[in-house]
Full PDB file with SEQRES, HELIX, SHEET, SSBOND, CRYST1, ORIGX, SCALE, CONECT and MASTER records, all heavy atoms in Angstrom:
SEQRES   1 A   42  LYS ILE LEU PRO HIS ALA PRO SER SER LYS VAL PHE LEU          
SEQRES   2 A   42  LEU ASP ALA ASN GLY THR LYS TRP ALA ASP MET LEU ILE          
SEQRES   3 A   42  LEU THR GLU ALA GLY ALA TYR LEU TYR HIS GLY LYS GLY          
SEQRES   4 A   42  LYS TRP SER                                                  
SHEET    1 AA1 3 SER A   8  LEU A  14  0                                        
SHEET    2 AA1 3 ASP A  23  THR A  28 -1                                        
SHEET    3 AA1 3 GLY A  31  TYR A  35 -1                                        
CRYST1    1.000    1.000    1.000  90.00  90.00  90.00 P 1           1          
ORIGX1      1.000000  0.000000  0.000000        0.00000                         
ORIGX2      0.000000  1.000000  0.000000        0.00000                         
ORIGX3      0.000000  0.000000  1.000000        0.00000                         
SCALE1      1.000000  0.000000  0.000000        0.00000                         
SCALE2      0.000000  1.000000  0.000000        0.00000                         
SCALE3      0.000000  0.000000  1.000000        0.00000                         
ATOM      1  N   LYS A   1       0.804  -1.221   0.000  1.00  0.00           N  
ATOM      2  CA  LYS A   1       0.000   0.000   0.000  1.00  0.00           C  
ATOM      3  C   LYS A   1       0.836   1.271   0.000  1.00  0.00           C  
ATOM      4  O   LYS A   1       0.345   2.335  -0.386  1.00  0.00           O  
ATOM      5  CB  LYS A   1      -0.941   0.009   1.206  1.00  0.00           C  
ATOM      6  CG  LYS A   1      -0.238   0.008   2.553  1.00  0.00           C  
ATOM      7  CD  LYS A   1      -1.240  -0.018   3.703  1.00  0.00           C  
ATOM      8  CE  LYS A   1      -0.546  -0.010   5.060  1.00  0.00           C  
ATOM      9  NZ  LYS A   1      -1.530  -0.061   6.177  1.00  0.00           N  
ATOM     10  N   ILE A   2       2.095   1.192   0.406  1.00  0.00           N  
ATOM     11  CA  ILE A   2       2.917   2.402   0.477  1.00  0.00           C  
ATOM     12  C   ILE A   2       3.452   2.838  -0.882  1.00  0.00           C  
ATOM     13  O   ILE A   2       3.817   3.993  -1.067  1.00  0.00           O  
ATOM     14  CB  ILE A   2       4.086   2.219   1.469  1.00  0.00           C  
ATOM     15  CG1 ILE A   2       4.580   3.598   1.946  1.00  0.00           C  
ATOM     16  CG2 ILE A   2       5.226   1.417   0.838  1.00  0.00           C  
ATOM     17  CD1 ILE A   2       5.548   3.540   3.090  1.00  0.00           C  
ATOM     18  N   LEU A   3       3.469   1.946  -1.856  1.00  0.00           N  
ATOM     19  CA  LEU A   3       4.032   2.277  -3.161  1.00  0.00           C  
ATOM     20  C   LEU A   3       3.183   3.327  -3.859  1.00  0.00           C  
ATOM     21  O   LEU A   3       1.959   3.336  -3.727  1.00  0.00           O  
ATOM     22  CB  LEU A   3       4.147   1.018  -4.019  1.00  0.00           C  
ATOM     23  CG  LEU A   3       5.145  -0.031  -3.535  1.00  0.00           C  
ATOM     24  CD1 LEU A   3       5.060  -1.286  -4.398  1.00  0.00           C  
ATOM     25  CD2 LEU A   3       6.563   0.517  -3.531  1.00  0.00           C  
ATOM     26  N   PRO A   4       3.803   4.228  -4.621  1.00  0.00           N  
ATOM     27  CA  PRO A   4       3.046   5.314  -5.263  1.00  0.00           C  
ATOM     28  C   PRO A   4       2.079   4.787  -6.318  1.00  0.00           C  
ATOM     29  O   PRO A   4       2.323   3.766  -6.960  1.00  0.00           O  
ATOM     30  CB  PRO A   4       4.136   6.181  -5.888  1.00  0.00           C  
ATOM     31  CG  PRO A   4       5.305   5.270  -6.052  1.00  0.00           C  
ATOM     32  CD  PRO A   4       5.246   4.310  -4.910  1.00  0.00           C  
ATOM     33  N   HIS A   5       0.977   5.501  -6.488  1.00  0.00           N  
ATOM     34  CA  HIS A   5      -0.042   5.112  -7.461  1.00  0.00           C  
ATOM     35  C   HIS A   5       0.229   5.680  -8.843  1.00  0.00           C  
ATOM     36  O   HIS A   5      -0.308   5.182  -9.829  1.00  0.00           O  
ATOM     37  CB  HIS A   5      -1.419   5.567  -6.977  1.00  0.00           C  
ATOM     38  CG  HIS A   5      -1.872   4.890  -5.723  1.00  0.00           C  
ATOM     39  ND1 HIS A   5      -2.415   3.617  -5.718  1.00  0.00           N  
ATOM     40  CD2 HIS A   5      -1.840   5.283  -4.427  1.00  0.00           C  
ATOM     41  CE1 HIS A   5      -2.715   3.268  -4.479  1.00  0.00           C  
ATOM     42  NE2 HIS A   5      -2.375   4.255  -3.677  1.00  0.00           N  
ATOM     43  N   ALA A   6       1.038   6.716  -8.933  1.00  0.00           N  
ATOM     44  CA  ALA A   6       1.303   7.354 -10.222  1.00  0.00           C  
ATOM     45  C   ALA A   6       2.151   6.450 -11.111  1.00  0.00           C  
ATOM     46  O   ALA A   6       2.997   5.687 -10.616  1.00  0.00           O  
ATOM     47  CB  ALA A   6       2.023   8.684 -10.002  1.00  0.00           C  
ATOM     48  N   PRO A   7       1.950   6.488 -12.433  1.00  0.00           N  
ATOM     49  CA  PRO A   7       2.834   5.754 -13.351  1.00  0.00           C  
ATOM     50  C   PRO A   7       4.301   6.093 -13.077  1.00  0.00           C  
ATOM     51  O   PRO A   7       4.644   7.256 -12.861  1.00  0.00           O  
ATOM     52  CB  PRO A   7       2.378   6.236 -14.723  1.00  0.00           C  
ATOM     53  CG  PRO A   7       0.944   6.615 -14.522  1.00  0.00           C  
ATOM     54  CD  PRO A   7       0.874   7.190 -13.146  1.00  0.00           C  
ATOM     55  N   SER A   8       5.155   5.080 -13.097  1.00  0.00           N  
ATOM     56  CA  SER A   8       6.546   5.242 -12.674  1.00  0.00           C  
ATOM     57  C   SER A   8       7.487   4.969 -13.840  1.00  0.00           C  
ATOM     58  O   SER A   8       7.175   4.204 -14.752  1.00  0.00           O  
ATOM     59  CB  SER A   8       6.856   4.301 -11.505  1.00  0.00           C  
ATOM     60  OG  SER A   8       5.959   4.540 -10.431  1.00  0.00           O  
ATOM     61  N   SER A   9       8.665   5.593 -13.778  1.00  0.00           N  
ATOM     62  CA  SER A   9       9.644   5.421 -14.851  1.00  0.00           C  
ATOM     63  C   SER A   9      10.939   4.763 -14.397  1.00  0.00           C  
ATOM     64  O   SER A   9      11.611   4.090 -15.179  1.00  0.00           O  
ATOM     65  CB  SER A   9       9.971   6.775 -15.487  1.00  0.00           C  
ATOM     66  OG  SER A   9      10.472   7.678 -14.516  1.00  0.00           O  
ATOM     67  N   LYS A  10      11.314   4.937 -13.110  1.00  0.00           N  
ATOM     68  CA  LYS A  10      12.567   4.386 -12.606  1.00  0.00           C  
ATOM     69  C   LYS A  10      12.408   4.006 -11.142  1.00  0.00           C  
ATOM     70  O   LYS A  10      11.691   4.669 -10.388  1.00  0.00           O  
ATOM     71  CB  LYS A  10      13.718   5.409 -12.708  1.00  0.00           C  
ATOM     72  CG  LYS A  10      14.124   5.783 -14.123  1.00  0.00           C  
ATOM     73  CD  LYS A  10      15.118   4.795 -14.699  1.00  0.00           C  
ATOM     74  CE  LYS A  10      15.634   5.270 -16.045  1.00  0.00           C  
ATOM     75  NZ  LYS A  10      16.677   4.386 -16.586  1.00  0.00           N  
ATOM     76  N   VAL A  11      13.097   2.943 -10.729  1.00  0.00           N  
ATOM     77  CA  VAL A  11      13.212   2.599  -9.311  1.00  0.00           C  
ATOM     78  C   VAL A  11      14.685   2.374  -8.996  1.00  0.00           C  
ATOM     79  O   VAL A  11      15.431   1.806  -9.794  1.00  0.00           O  
ATOM     80  CB  VAL A  11      12.389   1.340  -8.945  1.00  0.00           C  
ATOM     81  CG1 VAL A  11      10.916   1.596  -9.132  1.00  0.00           C  
ATOM     82  CG2 VAL A  11      12.833   0.131  -9.759  1.00  0.00           C  
ATOM     83  N   PHE A  12      15.118   2.843  -7.822  1.00  0.00           N  
ATOM     84  CA  PHE A  12      16.502   2.693  -7.388  1.00  0.00           C  
ATOM     85  C   PHE A  12      16.490   2.190  -5.945  1.00  0.00           C  
ATOM     86  O   PHE A  12      15.814   2.769  -5.081  1.00  0.00           O  
ATOM     87  CB  PHE A  12      17.251   4.023  -7.461  1.00  0.00           C  
ATOM     88  CG  PHE A  12      17.199   4.667  -8.813  1.00  0.00           C  
ATOM     89  CD1 PHE A  12      16.315   5.701  -9.068  1.00  0.00           C  
ATOM     90  CD2 PHE A  12      18.025   4.234  -9.834  1.00  0.00           C  
ATOM     91  CE1 PHE A  12      16.261   6.304 -10.313  1.00  0.00           C  
ATOM     92  CE2 PHE A  12      17.982   4.826 -11.087  1.00  0.00           C  
ATOM     93  CZ  PHE A  12      17.100   5.858 -11.334  1.00  0.00           C  
ATOM     94  N   LEU A  13      17.238   1.139  -5.680  1.00  0.00           N  
ATOM     95  CA  LEU A  13      17.293   0.540  -4.357  1.00  0.00           C  
ATOM     96  C   LEU A  13      18.696   0.715  -3.794  1.00  0.00           C  
ATOM     97  O   LEU A  13      19.686   0.371  -4.445  1.00  0.00           O  
ATOM     98  CB  LEU A  13      16.913  -0.937  -4.431  1.00  0.00           C  
ATOM     99  CG  LEU A  13      15.551  -1.210  -5.084  1.00  0.00           C  
ATOM    100  CD1 LEU A  13      15.290  -2.701  -5.181  1.00  0.00           C  
ATOM    101  CD2 LEU A  13      14.432  -0.526  -4.321  1.00  0.00           C  
ATOM    102  N   LEU A  14      18.785   1.254  -2.575  1.00  0.00           N  
ATOM    103  CA  LEU A  14      20.066   1.524  -1.936  1.00  0.00           C  
ATOM    104  C   LEU A  14      19.854   1.608  -0.439  1.00  0.00           C  
ATOM    105  O   LEU A  14      18.719   1.720   0.037  1.00  0.00           O  
ATOM    106  CB  LEU A  14      20.655   2.843  -2.452  1.00  0.00           C  
ATOM    107  CG  LEU A  14      19.918   4.137  -2.072  1.00  0.00           C  
ATOM    108  CD1 LEU A  14      20.857   5.324  -2.205  1.00  0.00           C  
ATOM    109  CD2 LEU A  14      18.694   4.375  -2.944  1.00  0.00           C  
ATOM    110  N   ASP A  15      20.947   1.527   0.309  1.00  0.00           N  
ATOM    111  CA  ASP A  15      20.881   1.755   1.753  1.00  0.00           C  
ATOM    112  C   ASP A  15      21.294   3.201   1.997  1.00  0.00           C  
ATOM    113  O   ASP A  15      22.466   3.499   2.182  1.00  0.00           O  
ATOM    114  CB  ASP A  15      21.806   0.779   2.484  1.00  0.00           C  
ATOM    115  CG  ASP A  15      21.724   0.925   4.000  1.00  0.00           C  
ATOM    116  OD1 ASP A  15      20.847   1.672   4.476  1.00  0.00           O  
ATOM    117  OD2 ASP A  15      22.542   0.308   4.701  1.00  0.00           O  
ATOM    118  N   ALA A  16      20.324   4.110   2.002  1.00  0.00           N  
ATOM    119  CA  ALA A  16      20.626   5.537   2.088  1.00  0.00           C  
ATOM    120  C   ALA A  16      21.092   5.961   3.462  1.00  0.00           C  
ATOM    121  O   ALA A  16      21.888   6.889   3.601  1.00  0.00           O  
ATOM    122  CB  ALA A  16      19.392   6.354   1.689  1.00  0.00           C  
ATOM    123  N   ASN A  17      20.608   5.277   4.517  1.00  0.00           N  
ATOM    124  CA  ASN A  17      20.879   5.743   5.886  1.00  0.00           C  
ATOM    125  C   ASN A  17      21.703   4.776   6.718  1.00  0.00           C  
ATOM    126  O   ASN A  17      21.851   4.961   7.921  1.00  0.00           O  
ATOM    127  CB  ASN A  17      19.559   6.059   6.598  1.00  0.00           C  
ATOM    128  CG  ASN A  17      18.608   4.874   6.621  1.00  0.00           C  
ATOM    129  OD1 ASN A  17      18.903   3.829   6.042  1.00  0.00           O  
ATOM    130  ND2 ASN A  17      17.473   5.042   7.268  1.00  0.00           N  
ATOM    131  N   GLY A  18      22.250   3.726   6.103  1.00  0.00           N  
ATOM    132  CA  GLY A  18      23.171   2.840   6.791  1.00  0.00           C  
ATOM    133  C   GLY A  18      22.544   1.847   7.737  1.00  0.00           C  
ATOM    134  O   GLY A  18      23.248   1.266   8.575  1.00  0.00           O  
ATOM    135  N   THR A  19      21.238   1.567   7.617  1.00  0.00           N  
ATOM    136  CA  THR A  19      20.577   0.632   8.531  1.00  0.00           C  
ATOM    137  C   THR A  19      20.641  -0.811   8.052  1.00  0.00           C  
ATOM    138  O   THR A  19      20.170  -1.709   8.735  1.00  0.00           O  
ATOM    139  CB  THR A  19      19.108   1.019   8.721  1.00  0.00           C  
ATOM    140  OG1 THR A  19      18.432   0.905   7.459  1.00  0.00           O  
ATOM    141  CG2 THR A  19      18.977   2.429   9.261  1.00  0.00           C  
ATOM    142  N   LYS A  20      21.158  -1.037   6.847  1.00  0.00           N  
ATOM    143  CA  LYS A  20      21.272  -2.353   6.209  1.00  0.00           C  
ATOM    144  C   LYS A  20      19.963  -2.821   5.582  1.00  0.00           C  
ATOM    145  O   LYS A  20      19.927  -3.898   4.977  1.00  0.00           O  
ATOM    146  CB  LYS A  20      21.795  -3.433   7.175  1.00  0.00           C  
ATOM    147  CG  LYS A  20      23.077  -3.053   7.899  1.00  0.00           C  
ATOM    148  CD  LYS A  20      24.200  -2.708   6.963  1.00  0.00           C  
ATOM    149  CE  LYS A  20      25.476  -2.343   7.712  1.00  0.00           C  
ATOM    150  NZ  LYS A  20      26.554  -1.917   6.800  1.00  0.00           N  
ATOM    151  N   TRP A  21      18.884  -2.050   5.725  1.00  0.00           N  
ATOM    152  CA  TRP A  21      17.630  -2.362   5.045  1.00  0.00           C  
ATOM    153  C   TRP A  21      17.547  -1.543   3.765  1.00  0.00           C  
ATOM    154  O   TRP A  21      17.962  -0.387   3.725  1.00  0.00           O  
ATOM    155  CB  TRP A  21      16.429  -2.056   5.942  1.00  0.00           C  
ATOM    156  CG  TRP A  21      16.272  -3.019   7.074  1.00  0.00           C  
ATOM    157  CD1 TRP A  21      16.669  -2.825   8.365  1.00  0.00           C  
ATOM    158  CD2 TRP A  21      15.704  -4.321   7.014  1.00  0.00           C  
ATOM    159  NE1 TRP A  21      16.375  -3.937   9.122  1.00  0.00           N  
ATOM    160  CE2 TRP A  21      15.778  -4.875   8.317  1.00  0.00           C  
ATOM    161  CE3 TRP A  21      15.136  -5.090   5.998  1.00  0.00           C  
ATOM    162  CZ2 TRP A  21      15.312  -6.147   8.624  1.00  0.00           C  
ATOM    163  CZ3 TRP A  21      14.670  -6.361   6.298  1.00  0.00           C  
ATOM    164  CH2 TRP A  21      14.756  -6.882   7.594  1.00  0.00           C  
ATOM    165  N   ALA A  22      16.986  -2.140   2.715  1.00  0.00           N  
ATOM    166  CA  ALA A  22      16.909  -1.469   1.420  1.00  0.00           C  
ATOM    167  C   ALA A  22      15.933  -0.307   1.477  1.00  0.00           C  
ATOM    168  O   ALA A  22      14.790  -0.444   1.919  1.00  0.00           O  
ATOM    169  CB  ALA A  22      16.470  -2.457   0.344  1.00  0.00           C  
ATOM    170  N   ASP A  23      16.403   0.867   1.022  1.00  0.00           N  
ATOM    171  CA  ASP A  23      15.550   2.029   0.840  1.00  0.00           C  
ATOM    172  C   ASP A  23      15.196   2.141  -0.639  1.00  0.00           C  
ATOM    173  O   ASP A  23      15.884   1.592  -1.509  1.00  0.00           O  
ATOM    174  CB  ASP A  23      16.267   3.294   1.313  1.00  0.00           C  
ATOM    175  CG  ASP A  23      16.750   3.176   2.750  1.00  0.00           C  
ATOM    176  OD1 ASP A  23      15.946   2.773   3.613  1.00  0.00           O  
ATOM    177  OD2 ASP A  23      17.937   3.471   3.002  1.00  0.00           O  
ATOM    178  N   MET A  24      14.117   2.879  -0.942  1.00  0.00           N  
ATOM    179  CA  MET A  24      13.627   2.963  -2.315  1.00  0.00           C  
ATOM    180  C   MET A  24      13.498   4.413  -2.746  1.00  0.00           C  
ATOM    181  O   MET A  24      12.914   5.230  -2.027  1.00  0.00           O  
ATOM    182  CB  MET A  24      12.251   2.294  -2.427  1.00  0.00           C  
ATOM    183  CG  MET A  24      12.199   0.854  -1.964  1.00  0.00           C  
ATOM    184  SD  MET A  24      10.553   0.106  -2.170  1.00  0.00           S  
ATOM    185  CE  MET A  24       9.569   1.032  -0.968  1.00  0.00           C  
ATOM    186  N   LEU A  25      14.054   4.739  -3.915  1.00  0.00           N  
ATOM    187  CA  LEU A  25      13.799   6.003  -4.595  1.00  0.00           C  
ATOM    188  C   LEU A  25      13.048   5.669  -5.881  1.00  0.00           C  
ATOM    189  O   LEU A  25      13.544   4.900  -6.716  1.00  0.00           O  
ATOM    190  CB  LEU A  25      15.102   6.725  -4.918  1.00  0.00           C  
ATOM    191  CG  LEU A  25      15.511   7.885  -4.019  1.00  0.00           C  
ATOM    192  CD1 LEU A  25      16.944   8.299  -4.293  1.00  0.00           C  
ATOM    193  CD2 LEU A  25      14.576   9.077  -4.215  1.00  0.00           C  
ATOM    194  N   ILE A  26      11.844   6.219  -6.029  1.00  0.00           N  
ATOM    195  CA  ILE A  26      11.001   5.902  -7.177  1.00  0.00           C  
ATOM    196  C   ILE A  26      10.657   7.190  -7.903  1.00  0.00           C  
ATOM    197  O   ILE A  26      10.179   8.151  -7.294  1.00  0.00           O  
ATOM    198  CB  ILE A  26       9.717   5.176  -6.732  1.00  0.00           C  
ATOM    199  CG1 ILE A  26      10.069   3.904  -5.940  1.00  0.00           C  
ATOM    200  CG2 ILE A  26       8.864   4.822  -7.949  1.00  0.00           C  
ATOM    201  CD1 ILE A  26       8.855   3.163  -5.411  1.00  0.00           C  
ATOM    202  N   LEU A  27      10.916   7.226  -9.213  1.00  0.00           N  
ATOM    203  CA  LEU A  27      10.572   8.381 -10.038  1.00  0.00           C  
ATOM    204  C   LEU A  27       9.230   8.129 -10.705  1.00  0.00           C  
ATOM    205  O   LEU A  27       9.046   7.116 -11.398  1.00  0.00           O  
ATOM    206  CB  LEU A  27      11.641   8.625 -11.105  1.00  0.00           C  
ATOM    207  CG  LEU A  27      13.086   8.813 -10.624  1.00  0.00           C  
ATOM    208  CD1 LEU A  27      13.976   9.223 -11.781  1.00  0.00           C  
ATOM    209  CD2 LEU A  27      13.169   9.827  -9.498  1.00  0.00           C  
ATOM    210  N   THR A  28       8.283   9.048 -10.498  1.00  0.00           N  
ATOM    211  CA  THR A  28       6.954   8.926 -11.075  1.00  0.00           C  
ATOM    212  C   THR A  28       6.594  10.214 -11.809  1.00  0.00           C  
ATOM    213  O   THR A  28       7.317  11.212 -11.746  1.00  0.00           O  
ATOM    214  CB  THR A  28       5.889   8.671  -9.986  1.00  0.00           C  
ATOM    215  OG1 THR A  28       5.613   9.900  -9.298  1.00  0.00           O  
ATOM    216  CG2 THR A  28       6.363   7.632  -8.970  1.00  0.00           C  
ATOM    217  N   GLU A  29       5.448  10.188 -12.479  1.00  0.00           N  
ATOM    218  CA  GLU A  29       4.972  11.391 -13.154  1.00  0.00           C  
ATOM    219  C   GLU A  29       4.663  12.496 -12.158  1.00  0.00           C  
ATOM    220  O   GLU A  29       4.689  13.682 -12.504  1.00  0.00           O  
ATOM    221  CB  GLU A  29       3.724  11.058 -13.980  1.00  0.00           C  
ATOM    222  CG  GLU A  29       4.001  10.187 -15.196  1.00  0.00           C  
ATOM    223  CD  GLU A  29       2.762   9.934 -16.017  1.00  0.00           C  
ATOM    224  OE1 GLU A  29       1.670  10.386 -15.582  1.00  0.00           O  
ATOM    225  OE2 GLU A  29       2.866   9.296 -17.082  1.00  0.00           O  
ATOM    226  N   ALA A  30       4.371  12.130 -10.918  1.00  0.00           N  
ATOM    227  CA  ALA A  30       4.042  13.116  -9.882  1.00  0.00           C  
ATOM    228  C   ALA A  30       5.269  13.636  -9.147  1.00  0.00           C  
ATOM    229  O   ALA A  30       5.159  14.562  -8.345  1.00  0.00           O  
ATOM    230  CB  ALA A  30       3.057  12.506  -8.884  1.00  0.00           C  
ATOM    231  N   GLY A  31       6.439  13.033  -9.385  1.00  0.00           N  
ATOM    232  CA  GLY A  31       7.653  13.437  -8.698  1.00  0.00           C  
ATOM    233  C   GLY A  31       8.400  12.247  -8.131  1.00  0.00           C  
ATOM    234  O   GLY A  31       8.037  11.089  -8.371  1.00  0.00           O  
ATOM    235  N   ALA A  32       9.450  12.515  -7.365  1.00  0.00           N  
ATOM    236  CA  ALA A  32      10.269  11.464  -6.763  1.00  0.00           C  
ATOM    237  C   ALA A  32       9.757  11.136  -5.362  1.00  0.00           C  
ATOM    238  O   ALA A  32       9.314  12.026  -4.627  1.00  0.00           O  
ATOM    239  CB  ALA A  32      11.721  11.894  -6.701  1.00  0.00           C  
ATOM    240  N   TYR A  33       9.836   9.861  -5.001  1.00  0.00           N  
ATOM    241  CA  TYR A  33       9.430   9.399  -3.677  1.00  0.00           C  
ATOM    242  C   TYR A  33      10.591   8.655  -3.025  1.00  0.00           C  
ATOM    243  O   TYR A  33      11.289   7.883  -3.693  1.00  0.00           O  
ATOM    244  CB  TYR A  33       8.220   8.463  -3.771  1.00  0.00           C  
ATOM    245  CG  TYR A  33       6.945   9.142  -4.176  1.00  0.00           C  
ATOM    246  CD1 TYR A  33       6.656   9.373  -5.521  1.00  0.00           C  
ATOM    247  CD2 TYR A  33       6.024   9.564  -3.229  1.00  0.00           C  
ATOM    248  CE1 TYR A  33       5.485  10.003  -5.908  1.00  0.00           C  
ATOM    249  CE2 TYR A  33       4.839  10.190  -3.594  1.00  0.00           C  
ATOM    250  CZ  TYR A  33       4.578  10.404  -4.936  1.00  0.00           C  
ATOM    251  OH  TYR A  33       3.413  11.036  -5.310  1.00  0.00           O  
ATOM    252  N   LEU A  34      10.777   8.879  -1.725  1.00  0.00           N  
ATOM    253  CA  LEU A  34      11.811   8.188  -0.962  1.00  0.00           C  
ATOM    254  C   LEU A  34      11.157   7.416   0.175  1.00  0.00           C  
ATOM    255  O   LEU A  34      10.388   7.977   0.961  1.00  0.00           O  
ATOM    256  CB  LEU A  34      12.824   9.183  -0.375  1.00  0.00           C  
ATOM    257  CG  LEU A  34      13.869   8.600   0.578  1.00  0.00           C  
ATOM    258  CD1 LEU A  34      14.782   7.602  -0.138  1.00  0.00           C  
ATOM    259  CD2 LEU A  34      14.709   9.711   1.207  1.00  0.00           C  
ATOM    260  N   TYR A  35      11.456   6.118   0.247  1.00  0.00           N  
ATOM    261  CA  TYR A  35      10.933   5.259   1.302  1.00  0.00           C  
ATOM    262  C   TYR A  35      12.105   4.598   2.020  1.00  0.00           C  
ATOM    263  O   TYR A  35      12.944   3.948   1.381  1.00  0.00           O  
ATOM    264  CB  TYR A  35      10.015   4.177   0.726  1.00  0.00           C  
ATOM    265  CG  TYR A  35       8.869   4.723  -0.095  1.00  0.00           C  
ATOM    266  CD1 TYR A  35       8.969   4.804  -1.485  1.00  0.00           C  
ATOM    267  CD2 TYR A  35       7.705   5.163   0.513  1.00  0.00           C  
ATOM    268  CE1 TYR A  35       7.922   5.311  -2.240  1.00  0.00           C  
ATOM    269  CE2 TYR A  35       6.649   5.671  -0.231  1.00  0.00           C  
ATOM    270  CZ  TYR A  35       6.765   5.737  -1.617  1.00  0.00           C  
ATOM    271  OH  TYR A  35       5.736   6.243  -2.366  1.00  0.00           O  
ATOM    272  N   HIS A  36      12.167   4.744   3.335  1.00  0.00           N  
ATOM    273  CA  HIS A  36      13.196   4.079   4.128  1.00  0.00           C  
ATOM    274  C   HIS A  36      12.728   2.685   4.515  1.00  0.00           C  
ATOM    275  O   HIS A  36      11.589   2.497   4.969  1.00  0.00           O  
ATOM    276  CB  HIS A  36      13.491   4.886   5.403  1.00  0.00           C  
ATOM    277  CG  HIS A  36      14.456   6.003   5.191  1.00  0.00           C  
ATOM    278  ND1 HIS A  36      14.836   6.878   6.186  1.00  0.00           N  
ATOM    279  CD2 HIS A  36      15.158   6.398   4.090  1.00  0.00           C  
ATOM    280  CE1 HIS A  36      15.702   7.752   5.718  1.00  0.00           C  
ATOM    281  NE2 HIS A  36      15.914   7.480   4.449  1.00  0.00           N  
ATOM    282  N   GLY A  37      13.615   1.703   4.356  1.00  0.00           N  
ATOM    283  CA  GLY A  37      13.330   0.365   4.827  1.00  0.00           C  
ATOM    284  C   GLY A  37      13.434   0.281   6.340  1.00  0.00           C  
ATOM    285  O   GLY A  37      14.403   0.762   6.933  1.00  0.00           O  
ATOM    286  N   LYS A  38      12.437  -0.341   6.974  1.00  0.00           N  
ATOM    287  CA  LYS A  38      12.390  -0.416   8.437  1.00  0.00           C  
ATOM    288  C   LYS A  38      12.439  -1.846   8.950  1.00  0.00           C  
ATOM    289  O   LYS A  38      12.593  -2.075  10.146  1.00  0.00           O  
ATOM    290  CB  LYS A  38      11.119   0.261   8.941  1.00  0.00           C  
ATOM    291  CG  LYS A  38      11.035   1.743   8.621  1.00  0.00           C  
ATOM    292  CD  LYS A  38       9.715   2.337   9.060  1.00  0.00           C  
ATOM    293  CE  LYS A  38       9.528   2.240  10.568  1.00  0.00           C  
ATOM    294  NZ  LYS A  38       8.230   2.828  10.992  1.00  0.00           N  
ATOM    295  N   GLY A  39      12.313  -2.814   8.065  1.00  0.00           N  
ATOM    296  CA  GLY A  39      12.283  -4.208   8.471  1.00  0.00           C  
ATOM    297  C   GLY A  39      11.680  -5.035   7.362  1.00  0.00           C  
ATOM    298  O   GLY A  39      11.568  -4.586   6.216  1.00  0.00           O  
ATOM    299  N   LYS A  40      11.259  -6.242   7.667  1.00  0.00           N  
ATOM    300  CA  LYS A  40      10.730  -7.175   6.677  1.00  0.00           C  
ATOM    301  C   LYS A  40       9.483  -6.605   6.005  1.00  0.00           C  
ATOM    302  O   LYS A  40       8.438  -6.469   6.641  1.00  0.00           O  
ATOM    303  CB  LYS A  40      10.413  -8.503   7.355  1.00  0.00           C  
ATOM    304  CG  LYS A  40       9.939  -9.585   6.400  1.00  0.00           C  
ATOM    305  CD  LYS A  40       9.719 -10.877   7.149  1.00  0.00           C  
ATOM    306  CE  LYS A  40       9.243 -11.982   6.205  1.00  0.00           C  
ATOM    307  NZ  LYS A  40       9.029 -13.264   6.934  1.00  0.00           N  
ATOM    308  N   TRP A  41       9.613  -6.208   4.728  1.00  0.00           N  
ATOM    309  CA  TRP A  41       8.540  -5.641   3.927  1.00  0.00           C  
ATOM    310  C   TRP A  41       7.887  -4.441   4.612  1.00  0.00           C  
ATOM    311  O   TRP A  41       6.688  -4.186   4.457  1.00  0.00           O  
ATOM    312  CB  TRP A  41       7.484  -6.685   3.575  1.00  0.00           C  
ATOM    313  CG  TRP A  41       8.035  -7.842   2.799  1.00  0.00           C  
ATOM    314  CD1 TRP A  41       8.227  -9.116   3.258  1.00  0.00           C  
ATOM    315  CD2 TRP A  41       8.490  -7.831   1.440  1.00  0.00           C  
ATOM    316  NE1 TRP A  41       8.763  -9.899   2.279  1.00  0.00           N  
ATOM    317  CE2 TRP A  41       8.928  -9.149   1.146  1.00  0.00           C  
ATOM    318  CE3 TRP A  41       8.554  -6.854   0.448  1.00  0.00           C  
ATOM    319  CZ2 TRP A  41       9.432  -9.492  -0.090  1.00  0.00           C  
ATOM    320  CZ3 TRP A  41       9.054  -7.212  -0.798  1.00  0.00           C  
ATOM    321  CH2 TRP A  41       9.487  -8.506  -1.053  1.00  0.00           C  
ATOM    322  N   SER A  42       8.673  -3.715   5.383  1.00  0.00           N  
ATOM    323  CA  SER A  42       8.161  -2.555   6.112  1.00  0.00           C  
ATOM    324  C   SER A  42       8.926  -1.304   5.689  1.00  0.00           C  
ATOM    325  O   SER A  42      10.165  -1.319   5.650  1.00  0.00           O  
ATOM    326  CB  SER A  42       8.301  -2.766   7.625  1.00  0.00           C  
ATOM    327  OG  SER A  42       7.863  -1.633   8.339  1.00  0.00           O  
TER     328      SER A  42                                                      
MASTER        0    0    0    0    3    0    0    6  327    1    0    4          
END                                                                             
């Protein structure tokens, strides 16, 4: 449910904050979204 609803063009997965969980940067028609990984599928 957290993923953006707008059509998307790119996804980038990285550990942006050093927690060892994958963070997500998603480029959409509405703009860029950043999601921090907090745990298993969270």
